[in-house]
Full PDB file with SEQRES, HELIX, SHEET, SSBOND, CRYST1, ORIGX, SCALE, CONECT and MASTER records, all heavy atoms in Angstrom:
SEQRES   1 A   36  HIS ASP ARG PHE ALA VAL VAL ALA THR SER ASN GLY ALA          
SEQRES   2 A   36  ASN VAL ALA LEU GLU TYR ASN ARG ALA TYR PRO GLY HIS          
SEQRES   3 A   36  ALA VAL ALA MET ALA PHE SER MET LEU PRO                      
HELIX    1 AA1 ASN A   11  ALA A   22  1                                  12    
SHEET    1 AA1 2 PHE A   4  ALA A   8  0                                        
SHEET    2 AA1 2 ALA A  27  PHE A  32  1                                        
CRYST1    1.000    1.000    1.000  90.00  90.00  90.00 P 1           1          
ORIGX1      1.000000  0.000000  0.000000        0.00000                         
ORIGX2      0.000000  1.000000  0.000000        0.00000                         
ORIGX3      0.000000  0.000000  1.000000        0.00000                         
SCALE1      1.000000  0.000000  0.000000        0.00000                         
SCALE2      0.000000  1.000000  0.000000        0.00000                         
SCALE3      0.000000  0.000000  1.000000        0.00000                         
ATOM      1  N   HIS A   1      18.758   9.625  -5.675  1.00  0.00           N  
ATOM      2  CA  HIS A   1      18.511   8.277  -6.197  1.00  0.00           C  
ATOM      3  C   HIS A   1      19.102   8.170  -7.600  1.00  0.00           C  
ATOM      4  O   HIS A   1      18.700   8.895  -8.513  1.00  0.00           O  
ATOM      5  CB  HIS A   1      17.016   7.988  -6.242  1.00  0.00           C  
ATOM      6  CG  HIS A   1      16.354   8.063  -4.901  1.00  0.00           C  
ATOM      7  ND1 HIS A   1      16.846   7.428  -3.790  1.00  0.00           N  
ATOM      8  CD2 HIS A   1      15.223   8.727  -4.491  1.00  0.00           C  
ATOM      9  CE1 HIS A   1      16.062   7.672  -2.748  1.00  0.00           C  
ATOM     10  NE2 HIS A   1      15.081   8.458  -3.144  1.00  0.00           N  
ATOM     11  N   ASP A   2      20.039   7.234  -7.765  1.00  0.00           N  
ATOM     12  CA  ASP A   2      20.730   7.100  -9.039  1.00  0.00           C  
ATOM     13  C   ASP A   2      20.223   5.924  -9.866  1.00  0.00           C  
ATOM     14  O   ASP A   2      20.112   6.020 -11.088  1.00  0.00           O  
ATOM     15  CB  ASP A   2      22.236   6.939  -8.808  1.00  0.00           C  
ATOM     16  CG  ASP A   2      23.016   6.850 -10.106  1.00  0.00           C  
ATOM     17  OD1 ASP A   2      22.924   7.803 -10.911  1.00  0.00           O  
ATOM     18  OD2 ASP A   2      23.695   5.824 -10.331  1.00  0.00           O  
ATOM     19  N   ARG A   3      19.895   4.809  -9.220  1.00  0.00           N  
ATOM     20  CA  ARG A   3      19.427   3.626  -9.932  1.00  0.00           C  
ATOM     21  C   ARG A   3      18.189   3.086  -9.233  1.00  0.00           C  
ATOM     22  O   ARG A   3      18.158   2.959  -8.005  1.00  0.00           O  
ATOM     23  CB  ARG A   3      20.525   2.561 -10.004  1.00  0.00           C  
ATOM     24  CG  ARG A   3      21.686   3.002 -10.901  1.00  0.00           C  
ATOM     25  CD  ARG A   3      22.840   2.014 -10.888  1.00  0.00           C  
ATOM     26  NE  ARG A   3      22.486   0.705 -11.415  1.00  0.00           N  
ATOM     27  CZ  ARG A   3      22.400   0.413 -12.719  1.00  0.00           C  
ATOM     28  NH1 ARG A   3      22.602   1.377 -13.623  1.00  0.00           N  
ATOM     29  NH2 ARG A   3      22.118  -0.803 -13.119  1.00  0.00           N  
ATOM     30  N   PHE A   4      17.180   2.767 -10.031  1.00  0.00           N  
ATOM     31  CA  PHE A   4      15.894   2.403  -9.452  1.00  0.00           C  
ATOM     32  C   PHE A   4      15.026   1.731 -10.506  1.00  0.00           C  
ATOM     33  O   PHE A   4      15.255   1.856 -11.717  1.00  0.00           O  
ATOM     34  CB  PHE A   4      15.173   3.649  -8.920  1.00  0.00           C  
ATOM     35  CG  PHE A   4      15.345   4.859  -9.801  1.00  0.00           C  
ATOM     36  CD1 PHE A   4      14.562   5.047 -10.939  1.00  0.00           C  
ATOM     37  CD2 PHE A   4      16.318   5.809  -9.506  1.00  0.00           C  
ATOM     38  CE1 PHE A   4      14.733   6.159 -11.748  1.00  0.00           C  
ATOM     39  CE2 PHE A   4      16.510   6.926 -10.326  1.00  0.00           C  
ATOM     40  CZ  PHE A   4      15.711   7.102 -11.450  1.00  0.00           C  
ATOM     41  N   ALA A   5      14.030   1.005 -10.039  1.00  0.00           N  
ATOM     42  CA  ALA A   5      12.991   0.484 -10.917  1.00  0.00           C  
ATOM     43  C   ALA A   5      11.933   1.556 -11.105  1.00  0.00           C  
ATOM     44  O   ALA A   5      11.686   2.368 -10.202  1.00  0.00           O  
ATOM     45  CB  ALA A   5      12.362  -0.779 -10.319  1.00  0.00           C  
ATOM     46  N   VAL A   6      11.315   1.575 -12.285  1.00  0.00           N  
ATOM     47  CA  VAL A   6      10.251   2.535 -12.585  1.00  0.00           C  
ATOM     48  C   VAL A   6       8.976   1.762 -12.876  1.00  0.00           C  
ATOM     49  O   VAL A   6       8.972   0.856 -13.721  1.00  0.00           O  
ATOM     50  CB  VAL A   6      10.613   3.424 -13.788  1.00  0.00           C  
ATOM     51  CG1 VAL A   6       9.469   4.402 -14.077  1.00  0.00           C  
ATOM     52  CG2 VAL A   6      11.909   4.180 -13.532  1.00  0.00           C  
ATOM     53  N   VAL A   7       7.911   2.109 -12.174  1.00  0.00           N  
ATOM     54  CA  VAL A   7       6.590   1.503 -12.366  1.00  0.00           C  
ATOM     55  C   VAL A   7       5.652   2.622 -12.798  1.00  0.00           C  
ATOM     56  O   VAL A   7       5.505   3.618 -12.081  1.00  0.00           O  
ATOM     57  CB  VAL A   7       6.084   0.833 -11.073  1.00  0.00           C  
ATOM     58  CG1 VAL A   7       4.697   0.222 -11.283  1.00  0.00           C  
ATOM     59  CG2 VAL A   7       7.075  -0.230 -10.608  1.00  0.00           C  
ATOM     60  N   ALA A   8       5.025   2.471 -13.957  1.00  0.00           N  
ATOM     61  CA  ALA A   8       4.253   3.577 -14.504  1.00  0.00           C  
ATOM     62  C   ALA A   8       2.963   3.094 -15.137  1.00  0.00           C  
ATOM     63  O   ALA A   8       2.851   1.942 -15.566  1.00  0.00           O  
ATOM     64  CB  ALA A   8       5.087   4.337 -15.537  1.00  0.00           C  
ATOM     65  N   THR A   9       1.987   4.003 -15.211  1.00  0.00           N  
ATOM     66  CA  THR A   9       0.699   3.680 -15.800  1.00  0.00           C  
ATOM     67  C   THR A   9       0.222   4.828 -16.683  1.00  0.00           C  
ATOM     68  O   THR A   9       0.535   5.990 -16.439  1.00  0.00           O  
ATOM     69  CB  THR A   9      -0.344   3.375 -14.704  1.00  0.00           C  
ATOM     70  OG1 THR A   9      -1.545   2.881 -15.313  1.00  0.00           O  
ATOM     71  CG2 THR A   9      -0.674   4.615 -13.886  1.00  0.00           C  
ATOM     72  N   SER A  10      -0.539   4.502 -17.732  1.00  0.00           N  
ATOM     73  CA  SER A  10      -1.161   5.474 -18.621  1.00  0.00           C  
ATOM     74  C   SER A  10      -0.117   6.464 -19.142  1.00  0.00           C  
ATOM     75  O   SER A  10       0.964   6.053 -19.540  1.00  0.00           O  
ATOM     76  CB  SER A  10      -2.327   6.153 -17.895  1.00  0.00           C  
ATOM     77  OG  SER A  10      -3.155   6.871 -18.776  1.00  0.00           O  
ATOM     78  N   ASN A  11      -0.410   7.769 -19.150  1.00  0.00           N  
ATOM     79  CA  ASN A  11       0.571   8.716 -19.670  1.00  0.00           C  
ATOM     80  C   ASN A  11       1.830   8.788 -18.815  1.00  0.00           C  
ATOM     81  O   ASN A  11       2.869   9.278 -19.278  1.00  0.00           O  
ATOM     82  CB  ASN A  11      -0.037  10.102 -19.827  1.00  0.00           C  
ATOM     83  CG  ASN A  11      -0.796  10.280 -21.127  1.00  0.00           C  
ATOM     84  OD1 ASN A  11      -1.792  10.978 -21.179  1.00  0.00           O  
ATOM     85  ND2 ASN A  11      -0.345   9.644 -22.200  1.00  0.00           N  
ATOM     86  N   GLY A  12       1.761   8.301 -17.589  1.00  0.00           N  
ATOM     87  CA  GLY A  12       2.980   8.169 -16.801  1.00  0.00           C  
ATOM     88  C   GLY A  12       3.967   7.217 -17.454  1.00  0.00           C  
ATOM     89  O   GLY A  12       5.191   7.360 -17.296  1.00  0.00           O  
ATOM     90  N   ALA A  13       3.450   6.241 -18.219  1.00  0.00           N  
ATOM     91  CA  ALA A  13       4.320   5.329 -18.951  1.00  0.00           C  
ATOM     92  C   ALA A  13       5.089   6.062 -20.041  1.00  0.00           C  
ATOM     93  O   ALA A  13       6.265   5.775 -20.291  1.00  0.00           O  
ATOM     94  CB  ALA A  13       3.493   4.192 -19.548  1.00  0.00           C  
ATOM     95  N   ASN A  14       4.440   7.031 -20.694  1.00  0.00           N  
ATOM     96  CA  ASN A  14       5.136   7.832 -21.700  1.00  0.00           C  
ATOM     97  C   ASN A  14       6.253   8.659 -21.069  1.00  0.00           C  
ATOM     98  O   ASN A  14       7.342   8.789 -21.637  1.00  0.00           O  
ATOM     99  CB  ASN A  14       4.163   8.747 -22.429  1.00  0.00           C  
ATOM    100  CG  ASN A  14       3.081   7.985 -23.164  1.00  0.00           C  
ATOM    101  OD1 ASN A  14       1.914   8.066 -22.789  1.00  0.00           O  
ATOM    102  ND2 ASN A  14       3.438   7.246 -24.193  1.00  0.00           N  
ATOM    103  N   VAL A  15       5.981   9.196 -19.884  1.00  0.00           N  
ATOM    104  CA  VAL A  15       7.005   9.951 -19.164  1.00  0.00           C  
ATOM    105  C   VAL A  15       8.172   9.030 -18.795  1.00  0.00           C  
ATOM    106  O   VAL A  15       9.348   9.384 -18.962  1.00  0.00           O  
ATOM    107  CB  VAL A  15       6.418  10.617 -17.908  1.00  0.00           C  
ATOM    108  CG1 VAL A  15       7.519  11.294 -17.086  1.00  0.00           C  
ATOM    109  CG2 VAL A  15       5.348  11.637 -18.289  1.00  0.00           C  
ATOM    110  N   ALA A  16       7.849   7.831 -18.308  1.00  0.00           N  
ATOM    111  CA  ALA A  16       8.892   6.882 -17.917  1.00  0.00           C  
ATOM    112  C   ALA A  16       9.771   6.501 -19.102  1.00  0.00           C  
ATOM    113  O   ALA A  16      11.006   6.448 -18.995  1.00  0.00           O  
ATOM    114  CB  ALA A  16       8.248   5.633 -17.317  1.00  0.00           C  
ATOM    115  N   LEU A  17       9.147   6.220 -20.248  1.00  0.00           N  
ATOM    116  CA  LEU A  17       9.917   5.833 -21.429  1.00  0.00           C  
ATOM    117  C   LEU A  17      10.774   6.976 -21.947  1.00  0.00           C  
ATOM    118  O   LEU A  17      11.920   6.772 -22.367  1.00  0.00           O  
ATOM    119  CB  LEU A  17       8.969   5.330 -22.511  1.00  0.00           C  
ATOM    120  CG  LEU A  17       8.342   3.966 -22.248  1.00  0.00           C  
ATOM    121  CD1 LEU A  17       7.218   3.686 -23.239  1.00  0.00           C  
ATOM    122  CD2 LEU A  17       9.396   2.862 -22.308  1.00  0.00           C  
ATOM    123  N   GLU A  18      10.235   8.192 -21.938  1.00  0.00           N  
ATOM    124  CA  GLU A  18      11.019   9.346 -22.373  1.00  0.00           C  
ATOM    125  C   GLU A  18      12.164   9.605 -21.395  1.00  0.00           C  
ATOM    126  O   GLU A  18      13.287   9.943 -21.818  1.00  0.00           O  
ATOM    127  CB  GLU A  18      10.137  10.580 -22.487  1.00  0.00           C  
ATOM    128  CG  GLU A  18      10.879  11.880 -22.794  1.00  0.00           C  
ATOM    129  CD  GLU A  18      11.623  11.857 -24.118  1.00  0.00           C  
ATOM    130  OE1 GLU A  18      11.334  10.996 -24.982  1.00  0.00           O  
ATOM    131  OE2 GLU A  18      12.520  12.712 -24.295  1.00  0.00           O  
ATOM    132  N   TYR A  19      11.910   9.431 -20.103  1.00  0.00           N  
ATOM    133  CA  TYR A  19      12.979   9.581 -19.112  1.00  0.00           C  
ATOM    134  C   TYR A  19      14.101   8.581 -19.395  1.00  0.00           C  
ATOM    135  O   TYR A  19      15.286   8.938 -19.395  1.00  0.00           O  
ATOM    136  CB  TYR A  19      12.433   9.375 -17.705  1.00  0.00           C  
ATOM    137  CG  TYR A  19      13.520   9.288 -16.661  1.00  0.00           C  
ATOM    138  CD1 TYR A  19      14.126  10.435 -16.161  1.00  0.00           C  
ATOM    139  CD2 TYR A  19      13.972   8.048 -16.209  1.00  0.00           C  
ATOM    140  CE1 TYR A  19      15.158  10.360 -15.234  1.00  0.00           C  
ATOM    141  CE2 TYR A  19      15.000   7.955 -15.280  1.00  0.00           C  
ATOM    142  CZ  TYR A  19      15.588   9.112 -14.797  1.00  0.00           C  
ATOM    143  OH  TYR A  19      16.614   9.029 -13.888  1.00  0.00           O  
ATOM    144  N   ASN A  20      13.729   7.330 -19.643  1.00  0.00           N  
ATOM    145  CA  ASN A  20      14.734   6.308 -19.902  1.00  0.00           C  
ATOM    146  C   ASN A  20      15.534   6.622 -21.168  1.00  0.00           C  
ATOM    147  O   ASN A  20      16.743   6.376 -21.233  1.00  0.00           O  
ATOM    148  CB  ASN A  20      14.064   4.944 -20.039  1.00  0.00           C  
ATOM    149  CG  ASN A  20      15.055   3.845 -20.383  1.00  0.00           C  
ATOM    150  OD1 ASN A  20      15.818   3.398 -19.540  1.00  0.00           O  
ATOM    151  ND2 ASN A  20      15.051   3.414 -21.633  1.00  0.00           N  
ATOM    152  N   ARG A  21      14.868   7.166 -22.194  1.00  0.00           N  
ATOM    153  CA  ARG A  21      15.563   7.504 -23.436  1.00  0.00           C  
ATOM    154  C   ARG A  21      16.502   8.688 -23.249  1.00  0.00           C  
ATOM    155  O   ARG A  21      17.654   8.666 -23.696  1.00  0.00           O  
ATOM    156  CB  ARG A  21      14.548   7.844 -24.537  1.00  0.00           C  
ATOM    157  CG  ARG A  21      15.169   8.114 -25.904  1.00  0.00           C  
ATOM    158  CD  ARG A  21      14.267   8.949 -26.790  1.00  0.00           C  
ATOM    159  NE  ARG A  21      14.047  10.295 -26.269  1.00  0.00           N  
ATOM    160  CZ  ARG A  21      14.923  11.288 -26.379  1.00  0.00           C  
ATOM    161  NH1 ARG A  21      16.101  11.096 -26.972  1.00  0.00           N  
ATOM    162  NH2 ARG A  21      14.661  12.485 -25.875  1.00  0.00           N  
ATOM    163  N   ALA A  22      15.998   9.737 -22.591  1.00  0.00           N  
ATOM    164  CA  ALA A  22      16.763  10.980 -22.471  1.00  0.00           C  
ATOM    165  C   ALA A  22      17.818  10.921 -21.377  1.00  0.00           C  
ATOM    166  O   ALA A  22      18.834  11.625 -21.459  1.00  0.00           O  
ATOM    167  CB  ALA A  22      15.810  12.146 -22.210  1.00  0.00           C  
ATOM    168  N   TYR A  23      17.590  10.097 -20.364  1.00  0.00           N  
ATOM    169  CA  TYR A  23      18.501  10.017 -19.214  1.00  0.00           C  
ATOM    170  C   TYR A  23      18.812   8.552 -18.941  1.00  0.00           C  
ATOM    171  O   TYR A  23      18.404   7.995 -17.918  1.00  0.00           O  
ATOM    172  CB  TYR A  23      17.880  10.702 -17.997  1.00  0.00           C  
ATOM    173  CG  TYR A  23      17.396  12.100 -18.313  1.00  0.00           C  
ATOM    174  CD1 TYR A  23      16.060  12.337 -18.652  1.00  0.00           C  
ATOM    175  CD2 TYR A  23      18.282  13.176 -18.321  1.00  0.00           C  
ATOM    176  CE1 TYR A  23      15.617  13.617 -18.977  1.00  0.00           C  
ATOM    177  CE2 TYR A  23      17.850  14.454 -18.646  1.00  0.00           C  
ATOM    178  CZ  TYR A  23      16.527  14.666 -18.977  1.00  0.00           C  
ATOM    179  OH  TYR A  23      16.095  15.923 -19.308  1.00  0.00           O  
ATOM    180  N   PRO A  24      19.534   7.901 -19.837  1.00  0.00           N  
ATOM    181  CA  PRO A  24      19.759   6.449 -19.721  1.00  0.00           C  
ATOM    182  C   PRO A  24      20.662   6.093 -18.547  1.00  0.00           C  
ATOM    183  O   PRO A  24      21.428   6.918 -18.050  1.00  0.00           O  
ATOM    184  CB  PRO A  24      20.421   6.104 -21.058  1.00  0.00           C  
ATOM    185  CG  PRO A  24      21.103   7.370 -21.485  1.00  0.00           C  
ATOM    186  CD  PRO A  24      20.196   8.479 -21.024  1.00  0.00           C  
ATOM    187  N   GLY A  25      20.534   4.822 -18.131  1.00  0.00           N  
ATOM    188  CA  GLY A  25      21.425   4.292 -17.108  1.00  0.00           C  
ATOM    189  C   GLY A  25      20.884   4.337 -15.703  1.00  0.00           C  
ATOM    190  O   GLY A  25      21.522   3.804 -14.778  1.00  0.00           O  
ATOM    191  N   HIS A  26      19.730   4.958 -15.490  1.00  0.00           N  
ATOM    192  CA  HIS A  26      19.169   5.058 -14.141  1.00  0.00           C  
ATOM    193  C   HIS A  26      18.096   4.001 -13.877  1.00  0.00           C  
ATOM    194  O   HIS A  26      18.050   3.417 -12.790  1.00  0.00           O  
ATOM    195  CB  HIS A  26      18.596   6.454 -13.913  1.00  0.00           C  
ATOM    196  CG  HIS A  26      19.602   7.548 -14.039  1.00  0.00           C  
ATOM    197  ND1 HIS A  26      20.613   7.746 -13.121  1.00  0.00           N  
ATOM    198  CD2 HIS A  26      19.774   8.504 -14.996  1.00  0.00           C  
ATOM    199  CE1 HIS A  26      21.355   8.776 -13.487  1.00  0.00           C  
ATOM    200  NE2 HIS A  26      20.867   9.258 -14.623  1.00  0.00           N  
ATOM    201  N   ALA A  27      17.223   3.753 -14.845  1.00  0.00           N  
ATOM    202  CA  ALA A  27      16.176   2.749 -14.677  1.00  0.00           C  
ATOM    203  C   ALA A  27      16.779   1.356 -14.842  1.00  0.00           C  
ATOM    204  O   ALA A  27      17.348   1.038 -15.890  1.00  0.00           O  
ATOM    205  CB  ALA A  27      15.056   2.962 -15.690  1.00  0.00           C  
ATOM    206  N   VAL A  28      16.647   0.532 -13.818  1.00  0.00           N  
ATOM    207  CA  VAL A  28      17.202  -0.832 -13.861  1.00  0.00           C  
ATOM    208  C   VAL A  28      16.131  -1.853 -14.228  1.00  0.00           C  
ATOM    209  O   VAL A  28      16.441  -3.002 -14.536  1.00  0.00           O  
ATOM    210  CB  VAL A  28      17.859  -1.207 -12.523  1.00  0.00           C  
ATOM    211  CG1 VAL A  28      19.008  -0.249 -12.203  1.00  0.00           C  
ATOM    212  CG2 VAL A  28      16.839  -1.212 -11.379  1.00  0.00           C  
ATOM    213  N   ALA A  29      14.878  -1.461 -14.187  1.00  0.00           N  
ATOM    214  CA  ALA A  29      13.748  -2.306 -14.575  1.00  0.00           C  
ATOM    215  C   ALA A  29      12.563  -1.380 -14.780  1.00  0.00           C  
ATOM    216  O   ALA A  29      12.472  -0.327 -14.143  1.00  0.00           O  
ATOM    217  CB  ALA A  29      13.438  -3.356 -13.507  1.00  0.00           C  
ATOM    218  N   MET A  30      11.627  -1.784 -15.670  1.00  0.00           N  
ATOM    219  CA  MET A  30      10.483  -0.926 -15.974  1.00  0.00           C  
ATOM    220  C   MET A  30       9.221  -1.777 -16.053  1.00  0.00           C  
ATOM    221  O   MET A  30       9.191  -2.802 -16.748  1.00  0.00           O  
ATOM    222  CB  MET A  30      10.690  -0.171 -17.282  1.00  0.00           C  
ATOM    223  CG  MET A  30      11.978   0.640 -17.343  1.00  0.00           C  
ATOM    224  SD  MET A  30      12.080   1.766 -18.776  1.00  0.00           S  
ATOM    225  CE  MET A  30      11.025   3.115 -18.192  1.00  0.00           C  
ATOM    226  N   ALA A  31       8.183  -1.343 -15.333  1.00  0.00           N  
ATOM    227  CA  ALA A  31       6.900  -2.049 -15.325  1.00  0.00           C  
ATOM    228  C   ALA A  31       5.798  -1.091 -15.746  1.00  0.00           C  
ATOM    229  O   ALA A  31       5.766   0.060 -15.316  1.00  0.00           O  
ATOM    230  CB  ALA A  31       6.607  -2.612 -13.932  1.00  0.00           C  
ATOM    231  N   PHE A  32       4.885  -1.599 -16.570  1.00  0.00           N  
ATOM    232  CA  PHE A  32       3.797  -0.776 -17.095  1.00  0.00           C  
ATOM    233  C   PHE A  32       2.478  -1.544 -16.974  1.00  0.00           C  
ATOM    234  O   PHE A  32       2.422  -2.734 -17.264  1.00  0.00           O  
ATOM    235  CB  PHE A  32       4.034  -0.438 -18.569  1.00  0.00           C  
ATOM    236  CG  PHE A  32       5.376   0.164 -18.852  1.00  0.00           C  
ATOM    237  CD1 PHE A  32       6.412  -0.612 -19.339  1.00  0.00           C  
ATOM    238  CD2 PHE A  32       5.616   1.511 -18.620  1.00  0.00           C  
ATOM    239  CE1 PHE A  32       7.657  -0.066 -19.598  1.00  0.00           C  
ATOM    240  CE2 PHE A  32       6.864   2.073 -18.872  1.00  0.00           C  
ATOM    241  CZ  PHE A  32       7.893   1.283 -19.367  1.00  0.00           C  
ATOM    242  N   SER A  33       1.428  -0.832 -16.571  1.00  0.00           N  
ATOM    243  CA  SER A  33       0.098  -1.448 -16.568  1.00  0.00           C  
ATOM    244  C   SER A  33      -0.738  -0.924 -17.723  1.00  0.00           C  
ATOM    245  O   SER A  33      -1.361  -1.694 -18.448  1.00  0.00           O  
ATOM    246  CB  SER A  33      -0.618  -1.210 -15.231  1.00  0.00           C  
ATOM    247  OG  SER A  33      -0.615   0.160 -14.878  1.00  0.00           O  
ATOM    248  N   MET A  34      -0.780   0.373 -17.943  1.00  0.00           N  
ATOM    249  CA  MET A  34      -1.409   0.961 -19.119  1.00  0.00           C  
ATOM    250  C   MET A  34      -0.296   1.587 -19.950  1.00  0.00           C  
ATOM    251  O   MET A  34       0.486   2.382 -19.437  1.00  0.00           O  
ATOM    252  CB  MET A  34      -2.422   2.045 -18.732  1.00  0.00           C  
ATOM    253  CG  MET A  34      -3.602   1.533 -17.913  1.00  0.00           C  
ATOM    254  SD  MET A  34      -4.660   0.451 -18.865  1.00  0.00           S  
ATOM    255  CE  MET A  34      -4.481  -1.060 -17.915  1.00  0.00           C  
ATOM    256  N   LEU A  35      -0.221   1.231 -21.233  1.00  0.00           N  
ATOM    257  CA  LEU A  35       0.940   1.618 -22.022  1.00  0.00           C  
ATOM    258  C   LEU A  35       0.515   2.190 -23.369  1.00  0.00           C  
ATOM    259  O   LEU A  35       0.368   1.467 -24.345  1.00  0.00           O  
ATOM    260  CB  LEU A  35       1.841   0.394 -22.233  1.00  0.00           C  
ATOM    261  CG  LEU A  35       3.149   0.606 -22.985  1.00  0.00           C  
ATOM    262  CD1 LEU A  35       4.037   1.611 -22.259  1.00  0.00           C  
ATOM    263  CD2 LEU A  35       3.871  -0.724 -23.161  1.00  0.00           C  
ATOM    264  N   PRO A  36       0.312   3.511 -23.465  1.00  0.00           N  
ATOM    265  CA  PRO A  36      -0.125   4.119 -24.726  1.00  0.00           C  
ATOM    266  C   PRO A  36       1.029   4.350 -25.703  1.00  0.00           C  
ATOM    267  O   PRO A  36       1.568   5.455 -25.815  1.00  0.00           O  
ATOM    268  CB  PRO A  36      -0.757   5.439 -24.273  1.00  0.00           C  
ATOM    269  CG  PRO A  36      -0.075   5.765 -22.983  1.00  0.00           C  
ATOM    270  CD  PRO A  36       0.305   4.465 -22.352  1.00  0.00           C  
TER     271      PRO A  36                                                      
MASTER        0    0    0    1    2    0    0    6  270    1    0    3          
END                                                                             
């Protein structure tokens, strides 16, 4: 999977944001419910 939307909650949101920063160009949209 090369391009995808990321849906994350709680500390999973921190993982999603770090993934997007460190490995840019793969997340095409990002959704968060709990965002620390």
